[in-house]
PDB file of N, CA and C in Angstrom:
ATOM      1  N   MET A   1     124.726  89.815 -70.775  1.00  0.00           N
ATOM      2  CA  MET A   1     125.366  89.270 -69.890  1.00  0.00           C
ATOM      3  C   MET A   1     124.983  89.317 -68.341  1.00  0.00           C
ATOM      4  N   ILE A   2     124.032  90.082 -68.014  1.00  0.00           N
ATOM      5  CA  ILE A   2     123.450  90.247 -66.799  1.00  0.00           C
ATOM      6  C   ILE A   2     122.453  88.593 -66.765  1.00  0.00           C
ATOM      7  N   GLU A   3     121.624  88.410 -67.638  1.00  0.00           N
ATOM      8  CA  GLU A   3     121.140  87.096 -67.916  1.00  0.00           C
ATOM      9  C   GLU A   3     121.907  85.875 -67.614  1.00  0.00           C
ATOM     10  N   THR A   4     123.155  85.927 -68.231  1.00  0.00           N
ATOM     11  CA  THR A   4     124.059  84.995 -67.949  1.00  0.00           C
ATOM     12  C   THR A   4     124.184  84.555 -66.797  1.00  0.00           C
ATOM     13  N   LEU A   5     124.602  86.170 -65.793  1.00  0.00           N
ATOM     14  CA  LEU A   5     125.234  85.859 -64.505  1.00  0.00           C
ATOM     15  C   LEU A   5     124.219  85.377 -63.743  1.00  0.00           C
ATOM     16  N   THR A   6     122.854  85.818 -63.971  1.00  0.00           N
ATOM     17  CA  THR A   6     121.562  85.597 -63.145  1.00  0.00           C
ATOM     18  C   THR A   6     121.383  84.373 -63.176  1.00  0.00           C
ATOM     19  N   SER A   7     121.562  83.455 -64.551  1.00  0.00           N
ATOM     20  CA  SER A   7     121.240  82.101 -64.637  1.00  0.00           C
ATOM     21  C   SER A   7     122.178  81.654 -63.509  1.00  0.00           C
ATOM     22  N   PHE A   8     123.276  81.798 -63.809  1.00  0.00           N
ATOM     23  CA  PHE A   8     124.327  81.494 -63.161  1.00  0.00           C
ATOM     24  C   PHE A   8     124.224  81.116 -61.552  1.00  0.00           C
ATOM     25  N   LEU A   9     123.950  82.096 -61.058  1.00  0.00           N
ATOM     26  CA  LEU A   9     124.152  82.445 -59.903  1.00  0.00           C
ATOM     27  C   LEU A   9     122.776  81.606 -59.529  1.00  0.00           C
ATOM     28  N   SER A  10     121.624  81.666 -59.938  1.00  0.00           N
ATOM     29  CA  SER A  10     120.603  80.590 -59.707  1.00  0.00           C
ATOM     30  C   SER A  10     121.045  79.244 -59.732  1.00  0.00           C
ATOM     31  N   PHE A  11     121.643  78.577 -60.526  1.00  0.00           N
ATOM     32  CA  PHE A  11     121.986  77.583 -60.923  1.00  0.00           C
ATOM     33  C   PHE A  11     122.991  77.105 -59.560  1.00  0.00           C
ATOM     34  N   GLY A  12     123.757  77.936 -58.907  1.00  0.00           N
ATOM     35  CA  GLY A  12     124.479  77.867 -57.996  1.00  0.00           C
ATOM     36  C   GLY A  12     123.769  77.378 -56.695  1.00  0.00           C
ATOM     37  N   LEU A  13     122.478  78.527 -56.571  1.00  0.00           N
ATOM     38  CA  LEU A  13     121.813  78.349 -55.340  1.00  0.00           C
ATOM     39  C   LEU A  13     120.684  76.967 -55.705  1.00  0.00           C
ATOM     40  N   THR A  14     120.572  76.782 -56.611  1.00  0.00           N
ATOM     41  CA  THR A  14     119.839  75.597 -56.637  1.00  0.00           C
ATOM     42  C   THR A  14     120.412  74.255 -56.220  1.00  0.00           C
ATOM     43  N   THR A  15     121.510  73.930 -56.768  1.00  0.00           N
ATOM     44  CA  THR A  15     122.377  72.868 -56.439  1.00  0.00           C
ATOM     45  C   THR A  15     122.844  72.912 -54.985  1.00  0.00           C
ATOM     46  N   ALA A  16     123.189  74.391 -54.325  1.00  0.00           N
ATOM     47  CA  ALA A  16     123.143  74.354 -52.676  1.00  0.00           C
ATOM     48  C   ALA A  16     122.198  73.978 -52.003  1.00  0.00           C
ATOM     49  N   GLY A  17     120.730  74.217 -52.528  1.00  0.00           N
ATOM     50  CA  GLY A  17     119.861  73.792 -51.622  1.00  0.00           C
ATOM     51  C   GLY A  17     119.532  72.460 -52.050  1.00  0.00           C
ATOM     52  N   SER A  18     119.800  71.672 -53.262  1.00  0.00           N
ATOM     53  CA  SER A  18     120.015  70.308 -53.272  1.00  0.00           C
ATOM     54  C   SER A  18     120.446  69.482 -52.173  1.00  0.00           C
ATOM     55  N   VAL A  19     122.131  70.330 -52.345  1.00  0.00           N
ATOM     56  CA  VAL A  19     122.896  69.434 -51.542  1.00  0.00           C
ATOM     57  C   VAL A  19     122.349  69.513 -49.648  1.00  0.00           C
ATOM     58  N   ALA A  20     121.914  70.613 -49.470  1.00  0.00           N
ATOM     59  CA  ALA A  20     121.306  70.733 -48.638  1.00  0.00           C
ATOM     60  C   ALA A  20     120.289  70.170 -47.971  1.00  0.00           C
ATOM     61  N   ALA A  21     119.194  70.150 -48.794  1.00  0.00           N
ATOM     62  CA  ALA A  21     118.182  68.900 -49.038  1.00  0.00           C
ATOM     63  C   ALA A  21     118.339  67.109 -48.532  1.00  0.00           C
ATOM     64  N   GLY A  22     119.583  67.309 -49.181  1.00  0.00           N
ATOM     65  CA  GLY A  22     119.760  65.801 -49.858  1.00  0.00           C
ATOM     66  C   GLY A  22     120.583  65.690 -47.945  1.00  0.00           C
ATOM     67  N   ALA A  23     121.285  66.394 -47.724  1.00  0.00           N
ATOM     68  CA  ALA A  23     121.892  66.380 -46.057  1.00  0.00           C
ATOM     69  C   ALA A  23     120.935  66.060 -45.080  1.00  0.00           C
ATOM     70  N   GLY A  24     120.081  67.122 -45.196  1.00  0.00           N
ATOM     71  CA  GLY A  24     118.667  67.186 -44.580  1.00  0.00           C
ATOM     72  C   GLY A  24     118.162  65.708 -44.418  1.00  0.00           C
ATOM     73  N   SER A  25     117.999  65.120 -45.589  1.00  0.00           N
ATOM     74  CA  SER A  25     116.938  64.087 -45.678  1.00  0.00           C
ATOM     75  C   SER A  25     118.069  62.812 -44.660  1.00  0.00           C
ATOM     76  N   LEU A  26     119.167  62.696 -45.007  1.00  0.00           N
ATOM     77  CA  LEU A  26     120.285  61.793 -44.294  1.00  0.00           C
ATOM     78  C   LEU A  26     119.886  61.980 -43.001  1.00  0.00           C
ATOM     79  N   LEU A  27     119.809  62.822 -42.361  1.00  0.00           N
ATOM     80  CA  LEU A  27     120.160  63.333 -41.271  1.00  0.00           C
ATOM     81  C   LEU A  27     118.732  62.702 -40.395  1.00  0.00           C
ATOM     82  N   PHE A  28     117.585  63.252 -41.237  1.00  0.00           N
ATOM     83  CA  PHE A  28     116.082  62.633 -40.838  1.00  0.00           C
ATOM     84  C   PHE A  28     116.257  61.154 -40.903  1.00  0.00           C
ATOM     85  N   LEU A  29     116.515  60.220 -42.049  1.00  0.00           N
ATOM     86  CA  LEU A  29     116.924  58.973 -41.863  1.00  0.00           C
ATOM     87  C   LEU A  29     117.535  58.394 -41.206  1.00  0.00           C
ATOM     88  N   ALA A  30     118.820  58.966 -40.248  1.00  0.00           N
ATOM     89  CA  ALA A  30     119.732  58.302 -39.507  1.00  0.00           C
ATOM     90  C   ALA A  30     119.004  58.529 -38.308  1.00  0.00           C
ATOM     91  N   ILE A  31     118.253  59.587 -37.464  1.00  0.00           N
ATOM     92  CA  ILE A  31     117.603  59.953 -36.579  1.00  0.00           C
ATOM     93  C   ILE A  31     116.260  58.825 -36.472  1.00  0.00           C
ATOM     94  N   LEU A  32     115.782  58.738 -37.539  1.00  0.00           N
ATOM     95  CA  LEU A  32     114.223  57.867 -38.141  1.00  0.00           C
ATOM     96  C   LEU A  32     114.753  56.355 -37.376  1.00  0.00           C
ATOM     97  N   LEU A  33     116.094  55.803 -37.888  1.00  0.00           N
ATOM     98  CA  LEU A  33     116.226  54.494 -37.969  1.00  0.00           C
ATOM     99  C   LEU A  33     117.025  54.395 -36.397  1.00  0.00           C
ATOM    100  N   ALA A  34     117.879  55.244 -35.960  1.00  0.00           N
ATOM    101  CA  ALA A  34     118.239  54.988 -34.525  1.00  0.00           C
ATOM    102  C   ALA A  34     116.879  54.811 -33.553  1.00  0.00           C
ATOM    103  N   LYS A  35     115.786  55.584 -34.166  1.00  0.00           N
ATOM    104  CA  LYS A  35     114.856  55.698 -32.883  1.00  0.00           C
ATOM    105  C   LYS A  35     113.609  54.802 -33.080  1.00  0.00           C
ATOM    106  N   ALA A  36     113.928  53.499 -34.148  1.00  0.00           N
ATOM    107  CA  ALA A  36     113.245  52.563 -34.616  1.00  0.00           C
ATOM    108  C   ALA A  36     113.742  51.619 -34.054  1.00  0.00           C
ATOM    109  N   TYR A  37     115.033  51.385 -34.242  1.00  0.00           N
ATOM    110  CA  TYR A  37     115.831  49.982 -33.605  1.00  0.00           C
ATOM    111  C   TYR A  37     116.516  50.050 -31.964  1.00  0.00           C
ATOM    112  N   ARG A  38     116.474  51.346 -30.806  1.00  0.00           N
ATOM    113  CA  ARG A  38     116.847  51.266 -30.172  1.00  0.00           C
ATOM    114  C   ARG A  38     116.192  50.627 -29.308  1.00  0.00           C
ATOM    115  N   ARG A  39     116.717  49.581 -28.179  1.00  0.00           N
ATOM    116  CA  ARG A  39     115.781  49.066 -27.496  1.00  0.00           C
ATOM    117  C   ARG A  39     116.009  49.317 -25.862  1.00  0.00           C
ATOM    118  N   VAL A  40     115.458  49.304 -25.275  1.00  0.00           N
ATOM    119  CA  VAL A  40     115.282  49.326 -23.518  1.00  0.00           C
ATOM    120  C   VAL A  40     114.754  48.341 -23.103  1.00  0.00           C
ATOM    121  N   VAL A  41     115.585  47.416 -21.830  1.00  0.00           N
ATOM    122  CA  VAL A  41     115.330  46.307 -21.372  1.00  0.00           C
ATOM    123  C   VAL A  41     114.329  46.580 -19.989  1.00  0.00           C
ATOM    124  N   GLU A  42     113.278  45.733 -20.303  1.00  0.00           N
ATOM    125  CA  GLU A  42     112.486  46.149 -19.322  1.00  0.00           C
ATOM    126  C   GLU A  42     113.052  45.510 -17.873  1.00  0.00           C
ATOM    127  N   PRO A  43     112.341  46.115 -16.769  1.00  0.00           N
ATOM    128  CA  PRO A  43     113.361  45.724 -15.476  1.00  0.00           C
ATOM    129  C   PRO A  43     112.847  44.154 -14.754  1.00  0.00           C
ATOM    130  N   ASN A  44     112.284  43.645 -15.472  1.00  0.00           N
ATOM    131  CA  ASN A  44     111.860  42.551 -14.794  1.00  0.00           C
ATOM    132  C   ASN A  44     112.380  41.154 -16.154  1.00  0.00           C
ATOM    133  N   GLU A  45     113.232  41.750 -17.365  1.00  0.00           N
ATOM    134  CA  GLU A  45     113.799  41.027 -18.269  1.00  0.00           C
ATOM    135  C   GLU A  45     115.201  41.316 -18.265  1.00  0.00           C
ATOM    136  N   VAL A  46     115.724  40.081 -18.898  1.00  0.00           N
ATOM    137  CA  VAL A  46     117.589  39.781 -19.146  1.00  0.00           C
ATOM    138  C   VAL A  46     117.699  39.634 -20.995  1.00  0.00           C
ATOM    139  N   HIS A  47     118.400  40.559 -21.749  1.00  0.00           N
ATOM    140  CA  HIS A  47     118.295  40.509 -23.206  1.00  0.00           C
ATOM    141  C   HIS A  47     119.842  39.647 -23.201  1.00  0.00           C
ATOM    142  N   ILE A  48     119.730  38.684 -23.956  1.00  0.00           N
ATOM    143  CA  ILE A  48     121.213  38.382 -24.637  1.00  0.00           C
ATOM    144  C   ILE A  48     121.872  38.836 -26.188  1.00  0.00           C
ATOM    145  N   VAL A  49     122.488  39.666 -25.854  1.00  0.00           N
ATOM    146  CA  VAL A  49     122.507  39.974 -27.366  1.00  0.00           C
ATOM    147  C   VAL A  49     123.759  39.707 -28.217  1.00  0.00           C
ATOM    148  N   GLN A  50     123.729  39.188 -29.277  1.00  0.00           N
ATOM    149  CA  GLN A  50     125.113  38.639 -29.816  1.00  0.00           C
ATOM    150  C   GLN A  50     125.460  39.074 -31.301  1.00  0.00           C
ATOM    151  N   SER A  51     126.652  39.558 -31.416  1.00  0.00           N
ATOM    152  CA  SER A  51     127.067  40.376 -32.165  1.00  0.00           C
ATOM    153  C   SER A  51     128.175  39.713 -33.130  1.00  0.00           C
ATOM    154  N   ARG A  52     128.768  40.183 -34.308  1.00  0.00           N
ATOM    155  CA  ARG A  52     129.563  39.290 -34.583  1.00  0.00           C
ATOM    156  C   ARG A  52     131.163  39.229 -33.764  1.00  0.00           C
ATOM    157  N   HIS A  53     131.057  40.262 -32.845  1.00  0.00           N
ATOM    158  CA  HIS A  53     132.426  39.304 -32.608  1.00  0.00           C
ATOM    159  C   HIS A  53     132.332  39.453 -30.499  1.00  0.00           C
ATOM    160  N   ARG A  54     131.207  39.542 -29.819  1.00  0.00           N
ATOM    161  CA  ARG A  54     130.480  39.580 -28.726  1.00  0.00           C
ATOM    162  C   ARG A  54     129.766  39.107 -28.123  1.00  0.00           C
ATOM    163  N   THR A  55     129.036  38.794 -27.074  1.00  0.00           N
ATOM    164  CA  THR A  55     127.945  38.710 -26.361  1.00  0.00           C
ATOM    165  C   THR A  55     127.819  39.280 -25.398  1.00  0.00           C
ATOM    166  N   SER A  56     126.741  40.233 -25.065  1.00  0.00           N
ATOM    167  CA  SER A  56     126.729  40.892 -24.590  1.00  0.00           C
ATOM    168  C   SER A  56     125.313  40.527 -23.782  1.00  0.00           C
ATOM    169  N   ILE A  57     125.449  41.096 -22.180  1.00  0.00           N
ATOM    170  CA  ILE A  57     123.997  40.764 -21.182  1.00  0.00           C
ATOM    171  C   ILE A  57     123.417  42.692 -20.866  1.00  0.00           C
ATOM    172  N   TYR A  58     122.386  42.861 -21.346  1.00  0.00           N
ATOM    173  CA  TYR A  58     121.656  43.867 -21.021  1.00  0.00           C
ATOM    174  C   TYR A  58     120.616  43.389 -20.099  1.00  0.00           C
ATOM    175  N   GLY A  59     120.906  44.356 -18.584  1.00  0.00           N
ATOM    176  CA  GLY A  59     119.745  44.194 -17.898  1.00  0.00           C
ATOM    177  C   GLY A  59     119.797  44.966 -16.700  1.00  0.00           C
ATOM    178  N   LYS A  60     119.120  45.164 -15.956  1.00  0.00           N
ATOM    179  CA  LYS A  60     119.092  45.451 -14.404  1.00  0.00           C
ATOM    180  C   LYS A  60     120.084  44.609 -13.544  1.00  0.00           C
ATOM    181  N   GLN A  61     119.948  43.540 -13.200  1.00  0.00           N
ATOM    182  CA  GLN A  61     120.430  42.626 -12.850  1.00  0.00           C
ATOM    183  C   GLN A  61     122.195  42.441 -13.136  1.00  0.00           C
ATOM    184  N   PHE A  62     123.084  42.883 -14.260  1.00  0.00           N
ATOM    185  CA  PHE A  62     123.892  42.686 -14.914  1.00  0.00           C
ATOM    186  C   PHE A  62     124.874  43.757 -14.740  1.00  0.00           C
ATOM    187  N   GLU A  63     125.226  44.173 -13.892  1.00  0.00           N
ATOM    188  CA  GLU A  63     126.499  45.431 -13.809  1.00  0.00           C
ATOM    189  C   GLU A  63     127.555  45.246 -15.259  1.00  0.00           C
ATOM    190  N   GLN A  64     128.095  44.431 -15.031  1.00  0.00           N
ATOM    191  CA  GLN A  64     129.018  43.832 -15.783  1.00  0.00           C
ATOM    192  C   GLN A  64     128.931  43.089 -16.670  1.00  0.00           C
ATOM    193  N   ASP A  65     129.553  43.283 -17.849  1.00  0.00           N
ATOM    194  CA  ASP A  65     130.031  42.343 -19.039  1.00  0.00           C
ATOM    195  C   ASP A  65     130.907  41.376 -19.041  1.00  0.00           C
ATOM    196  N   GLU A  66     131.309  40.416 -19.920  1.00  0.00           N
ATOM    197  CA  GLU A  66     131.992  39.264 -19.533  1.00  0.00           C
ATOM    198  C   GLU A  66     133.695  39.737 -19.199  1.00  0.00           C
ATOM    199  N   ASP A  67     133.649  41.248 -20.331  1.00  0.00           N
ATOM    200  CA  ASP A  67     134.736  42.476 -20.707  1.00  0.00           C
ATOM    201  C   ASP A  67     135.227  42.662 -19.414  1.00  0.00           C
ATOM    202  N   GLY A  68     134.453  42.843 -18.539  1.00  0.00           N
ATOM    203  CA  GLY A  68     133.986  43.986 -16.956  1.00  0.00           C
ATOM    204  C   GLY A  68     133.689  45.132 -17.849  1.00  0.00           C
ATOM    205  N   GLU A  69     133.327  45.140 -18.766  1.00  0.00           N
ATOM    206  CA  GLU A  69     132.613  46.856 -18.922  1.00  0.00           C
ATOM    207  C   GLU A  69     131.249  46.848 -18.671  1.00  0.00           C
ATOM    208  N   SER A  70     130.474  48.008 -18.136  1.00  0.00           N
ATOM    209  CA  SER A  70     128.954  48.084 -17.926  1.00  0.00           C
ATOM    210  C   SER A  70     128.529  48.124 -19.399  1.00  0.00           C
ATOM    211  N   ARG A  71     127.155  47.623 -19.488  1.00  0.00           N
ATOM    212  CA  ARG A  71     126.497  47.702 -20.586  1.00  0.00           C
ATOM    213  C   ARG A  71     125.108  48.536 -20.228  1.00  0.00           C
ATOM    214  N   GLY A  72     124.436  48.569 -19.419  1.00  0.00           N
ATOM    215  CA  GLY A  72     123.719  49.175 -18.931  1.00  0.00           C
ATOM    216  C   GLY A  72     122.635  48.651 -19.309  1.00  0.00           C
ATOM    217  N   ASN A  73     120.881  49.409 -19.460  1.00  0.00           N
ATOM    218  CA  ASN A  73     119.927  48.350 -19.820  1.00  0.00           C
ATOM    219  C   ASN A  73     119.515  49.010 -21.304  1.00  0.00           C
ATOM    220  N   SER A  74     120.410  49.393 -22.236  1.00  0.00           N
ATOM    221  CA  SER A  74     119.421  49.799 -23.494  1.00  0.00           C
ATOM    222  C   SER A  74     120.650  49.598 -24.502  1.00  0.00           C
ATOM    223  N   TYR A  75     120.049  49.473 -26.026  1.00  0.00           N
ATOM    224  CA  TYR A  75     121.212  49.043 -26.730  1.00  0.00           C
ATOM    225  C   TYR A  75     120.429  49.000 -28.349  1.00  0.00           C
ATOM    226  N   TYR A  76     121.152  48.606 -29.279  1.00  0.00           N
ATOM    227  CA  TYR A  76     120.447  48.922 -30.744  1.00  0.00           C
ATOM    228  C   TYR A  76     120.297  47.745 -31.408  1.00  0.00           C
ATOM    229  N   GLU A  77     119.080  47.641 -31.537  1.00  0.00           N
ATOM    230  CA  GLU A  77     118.918  46.045 -32.161  1.00  0.00           C
ATOM    231  C   GLU A  77     119.055  46.040 -33.826  1.00  0.00           C
ATOM    232  N   TRP A  78     119.621  46.285 -34.111  1.00  0.00           N
ATOM    233  CA  TRP A  78     120.053  46.161 -35.987  1.00  0.00           C
ATOM    234  C   TRP A  78     119.909  44.537 -36.643  1.00  0.00           C
ATOM    235  N   PRO A  79     119.132  44.765 -37.665  1.00  0.00           N
ATOM    236  CA  PRO A  79     118.339  43.145 -38.021  1.00  0.00           C
ATOM    237  C   PRO A  79     119.762  42.546 -37.898  1.00  0.00           C
ATOM    238  N   HIS A  80     119.312  41.475 -37.959  1.00  0.00           N
ATOM    239  CA  HIS A  80     120.685  40.346 -38.164  1.00  0.00           C
ATOM    240  C   HIS A  80     121.015  40.083 -39.210  1.00  0.00           C
ATOM    241  N   TRP A  81     120.351  40.337 -40.381  1.00  0.00           N
ATOM    242  CA  TRP A  81     120.838  39.859 -42.055  1.00  0.00           C
ATOM    243  C   TRP A  81     121.372  41.731 -42.041  1.00  0.00           C
ATOM    244  N   TRP A  82     122.082  42.488 -42.010  1.00  0.00           N
ATOM    245  CA  TRP A  82     122.720  43.600 -42.123  1.00  0.00           C
ATOM    246  C   TRP A  82     124.212  43.487 -41.581  1.00  0.00           C
ATOM    247  N   PRO A  83     124.929  43.635 -42.681  1.00  0.00           N
ATOM    248  CA  PRO A  83     126.258  42.864 -42.449  1.00  0.00           C
ATOM    249  C   PRO A  83     126.744  44.157 -41.773  1.00  0.00           C
ATOM    250  N   VAL A  84     127.957  43.550 -40.904  1.00  0.00           N
ATOM    251  CA  VAL A  84     128.824  44.145 -39.671  1.00  0.00           C
ATOM    252  C   VAL A  84     128.114  44.602 -38.581  1.00  0.00           C
ATOM    253  N   VAL A  85     126.987  44.929 -38.753  1.00  0.00           N
ATOM    254  CA  VAL A  85     126.170  45.586 -37.716  1.00  0.00           C
ATOM    255  C   VAL A  85     124.955  45.049 -36.917  1.00  0.00           C
ATOM    256  N   GLY A  86     124.368  43.972 -37.453  1.00  0.00           N
ATOM    257  CA  GLY A  86     123.384  43.063 -37.384  1.00  0.00           C
ATOM    258  C   GLY A  86     123.739  42.382 -35.968  1.00  0.00           C
ATOM    259  N   VAL A  87     122.823  42.029 -34.593  1.00  0.00           N
ATOM    260  CA  VAL A  87     122.692  41.697 -33.940  1.00  0.00           C
ATOM    261  C   VAL A  87     121.490  40.437 -33.777  1.00  0.00           C
ATOM    262  N   GLN A  88     121.903  39.454 -32.493  1.00  0.00           N
ATOM    263  CA  GLN A  88     120.653  38.489 -32.457  1.00  0.00           C
ATOM    264  C   GLN A  88     120.590  38.846 -31.027  1.00  0.00           C
ATOM    265  N   ARG A  89     119.128  38.435 -30.302  1.00  0.00           N
ATOM    266  CA  ARG A  89     119.015  38.600 -29.036  1.00  0.00           C
ATOM    267  C   ARG A  89     117.977  37.786 -28.787  1.00  0.00           C
ATOM    268  N   ILE A  90     118.306  37.098 -27.448  1.00  0.00           N
ATOM    269  CA  ILE A  90     117.063  36.587 -26.744  1.00  0.00           C
ATOM    270  C   ILE A  90     116.766  36.894 -25.309  1.00  0.00           C
ATOM    271  N   ILE A  91     115.468  37.103 -25.389  1.00  0.00           N
ATOM    272  CA  ILE A  91     114.643  37.383 -24.253  1.00  0.00           C
ATOM    273  C   ILE A  91     114.649  36.495 -22.992  1.00  0.00           C
ATOM    274  N   LEU A  92     114.821  36.951 -21.418  1.00  0.00           N
ATOM    275  CA  LEU A  92     114.519  35.699 -20.680  1.00  0.00           C
ATOM    276  C   LEU A  92     114.577  36.486 -19.610  1.00  0.00           C
ATOM    277  N   PRO A  93     113.386  36.116 -19.160  1.00  0.00           N
ATOM    278  CA  PRO A  93     112.769  36.842 -17.528  1.00  0.00           C
ATOM    279  C   PRO A  93     113.799  36.311 -15.903  1.00  0.00           C
ATOM    280  N   LEU A  94     113.564  37.418 -15.893  1.00  0.00           N
ATOM    281  CA  LEU A  94     114.543  36.946 -14.467  1.00  0.00           C
ATOM    282  C   LEU A  94     113.759  36.303 -13.663  1.00  0.00           C
ATOM    283  N   SER A  95     113.035  35.672 -14.019  1.00  0.00           N
ATOM    284  CA  SER A  95     112.156  34.347 -12.852  1.00  0.00           C
ATOM    285  C   SER A  95     113.101  33.147 -12.993  1.00  0.00           C
ATOM    286  N   VAL A  96     113.909  32.961 -14.422  1.00  0.00           N
ATOM    287  CA  VAL A  96     114.406  32.146 -15.104  1.00  0.00           C
ATOM    288  C   VAL A  96     115.821  31.709 -14.174  1.00  0.00           C
ATOM    289  N   PHE A  97     116.539  32.831 -13.522  1.00  0.00           N
ATOM    290  CA  PHE A  97     117.873  32.691 -12.810  1.00  0.00           C
ATOM    291  C   PHE A  97     117.273  32.206 -11.433  1.00  0.00           C
ATOM    292  N   ASP A  98     118.640  31.534 -10.910  1.00  0.00           N
ATOM    293  CA  ASP A  98     118.541  31.142  -9.325  1.00  0.00           C
ATOM    294  C   ASP A  98     118.617  32.340  -8.460  1.00  0.00           C
ATOM    295  N   GLN A  99     117.578  31.948  -7.082  1.00  0.00           N
ATOM    296  CA  GLN A  99     117.221  32.554  -6.444  1.00  0.00           C
ATOM    297  C   GLN A  99     117.850  32.033  -5.082  1.00  0.00           C
ATOM    298  N   ASN A 100     118.259  33.250  -4.570  1.00  0.00           N
ATOM    299  CA  ASN A 100     119.399  32.631  -2.817  1.00  0.00           C
ATOM    300  C   ASN A 100     118.272  32.560  -2.073  1.00  0.00           C
ATOM    301  N   LEU A 101     118.558  31.342  -1.478  1.00  0.00           N
ATOM    302  CA  LEU A 101     117.325  30.584  -0.625  1.00  0.00           C
ATOM    303  C   LEU A 101     117.912  30.285   0.491  1.00  0.00           C
ATOM    304  N   LEU A 102     119.518  30.586   0.692  1.00  0.00           N
ATOM    305  CA  LEU A 102     119.890  30.522   2.060  1.00  0.00           C
ATOM    306  C   LEU A 102     118.842  30.903   3.391  1.00  0.00           C
ATOM    307  N   GLU A 103     118.022  31.761   2.987  1.00  0.00           N
ATOM    308  CA  GLU A 103     117.482  32.271   4.974  1.00  0.00           C
ATOM    309  C   GLU A 103     115.855  32.034   4.760  1.00  0.00           C
ATOM    310  N   LEU A 104     115.500  30.968   3.697  1.00  0.00           N
ATOM    311  CA  LEU A 104     113.958  30.870   3.405  1.00  0.00           C
ATOM    312  C   LEU A 104     114.139  29.695   4.474  1.00  0.00           C
ATOM    313  N   GLN A 105     112.836  29.897   5.482  1.00  0.00           N
ATOM    314  CA  GLN A 105     112.503  28.935   6.494  1.00  0.00           C
ATOM    315  C   GLN A 105     111.441  28.188   5.789  1.00  0.00           C
ATOM    316  N   ALA A 106     111.938  26.552   6.073  1.00  0.00           N
ATOM    317  CA  ALA A 106     110.729  25.690   5.282  1.00  0.00           C
ATOM    318  C   ALA A 106     110.248  24.891   6.604  1.00  0.00           C
TER     319      ALA A 106
END
Protein backbone atom coordinates (compact mmCIF):
# COMPACT_ATOMS: atom_id res chain seq x y z
CA MET A 1 0.00 0.00 0.00
CA ILE A 2 2.78 2.45 0.90
CA GLU A 3 4.62 1.57 -2.31
CA THR A 4 1.49 2.36 -4.36
CA LEU A 5 1.03 5.69 -2.59
CA THR A 6 4.71 6.55 -3.06
CA SER A 7 4.59 5.71 -6.77
CA PHE A 8 1.41 7.80 -7.18
CA LEU A 9 2.97 10.82 -5.46
CA SER A 10 6.19 10.54 -7.42
CA PHE A 11 4.15 10.43 -10.66
CA GLY A 12 2.35 13.61 -9.61
CA LEU A 13 5.59 15.40 -8.87
CA THR A 14 7.10 14.28 -12.16
CA THR A 15 4.07 15.53 -14.09
CA ALA A 16 4.11 18.85 -12.25
CA GLY A 17 7.83 19.16 -12.95
CA SER A 18 7.26 18.46 -16.63
CA VAL A 19 4.54 21.11 -16.83
CA ALA A 20 6.77 23.64 -15.06
CA ALA A 21 9.68 22.83 -17.38
CA GLY A 22 7.42 23.21 -20.42
CA ALA A 23 6.06 26.54 -19.20
CA GLY A 24 9.58 27.76 -18.46
CA SER A 25 10.73 26.73 -21.92
CA LEU A 26 7.85 28.62 -23.56
CA LEU A 27 8.61 31.71 -21.50
CA PHE A 28 12.30 31.51 -22.45
CA LEU A 29 11.39 31.13 -26.14
CA ALA A 30 9.04 34.13 -26.00
CA ILE A 31 11.73 36.32 -24.42
CA LEU A 32 14.31 35.12 -26.93
CA LEU A 33 12.02 35.90 -29.89
CA ALA A 34 11.15 39.35 -28.51
CA LYS A 35 14.83 40.22 -28.12
CA ALA A 36 15.71 38.87 -31.56
CA TYR A 37 13.06 40.83 -33.50
CA ARG A 38 12.97 44.15 -31.63
CA ARG A 39 14.31 47.01 -33.72
CA VAL A 40 15.39 50.46 -32.54
CA VAL A 41 15.58 53.13 -35.23
CA GLU A 42 18.91 54.94 -35.55
CA PRO A 43 18.74 58.76 -35.11
CA ASN A 44 19.69 59.38 -38.74
CA GLU A 45 17.13 56.95 -40.25
CA VAL A 46 13.40 56.59 -40.80
CA HIS A 47 11.75 53.16 -40.95
CA ILE A 48 8.49 52.71 -42.83
CA VAL A 49 6.82 49.56 -41.50
CA GLN A 50 3.88 48.02 -43.34
CA SER A 51 1.68 45.44 -41.62
CA ARG A 52 -1.60 43.88 -42.70
CA HIS A 53 -3.75 46.83 -41.67
CA ARG A 54 -1.57 49.92 -41.58
CA THR A 55 1.62 51.64 -42.57
CA SER A 56 3.56 53.26 -39.72
CA ILE A 57 6.57 55.57 -39.71
CA TYR A 58 9.19 55.21 -36.99
CA GLY A 59 12.03 57.62 -36.31
CA LYS A 60 13.06 60.67 -34.35
CA GLN A 61 11.64 63.26 -36.72
CA PHE A 62 8.15 61.77 -36.90
CA GLU A 63 6.29 62.18 -33.64
CA GLN A 64 2.83 61.13 -34.86
CA ASP A 65 1.50 58.61 -37.36
CA GLU A 66 -1.28 59.31 -39.89
CA ASP A 67 -3.74 58.13 -37.21
CA GLY A 68 -2.43 60.81 -34.85
CA GLU A 69 -0.77 58.22 -32.59
CA SER A 70 2.81 58.55 -31.40
CA ARG A 71 4.87 55.55 -32.56
CA GLY A 72 8.28 56.29 -31.04
CA ASN A 73 11.44 54.78 -32.45
CA SER A 74 11.20 51.05 -31.68
CA TYR A 75 9.05 48.22 -33.02
CA TYR A 76 9.05 44.46 -33.59
CA GLU A 77 10.08 43.34 -37.06
CA TRP A 78 8.35 39.97 -37.28
CA PRO A 79 9.18 38.14 -40.55
CA HIS A 80 6.76 39.06 -43.34
CA TRP A 81 5.94 35.42 -44.04
CA TRP A 82 4.51 34.91 -40.53
CA PRO A 83 0.71 35.04 -40.76
CA VAL A 84 -1.12 37.92 -39.02
CA VAL A 85 1.90 39.55 -37.31
CA GLY A 86 4.43 39.72 -40.17
CA VAL A 87 5.66 43.15 -41.33
CA GLN A 88 7.78 44.57 -44.13
CA ARG A 89 10.08 47.54 -43.62
CA ILE A 90 11.84 50.13 -45.72
CA ILE A 91 14.81 52.05 -44.29
CA LEU A 92 15.39 55.58 -45.54
CA PRO A 93 18.10 58.01 -44.44
CA LEU A 94 16.97 61.41 -43.14
CA SER A 95 19.05 63.12 -45.82
CA VAL A 96 16.41 62.08 -48.41
CA PHE A 97 13.75 64.29 -46.84
CA ASP A 98 13.21 67.99 -47.62
CA GLN A 99 15.33 70.55 -45.85
CA ASN A 100 14.14 74.04 -45.05
CA LEU A 101 16.32 76.45 -47.05
CA LEU A 102 14.47 79.72 -46.37
CA GLU A 103 17.29 81.25 -44.34
CA LEU A 104 20.13 80.04 -46.56
CA GLN A 105 22.22 82.89 -47.91
CA ALA A 106 23.25 82.23 -51.47
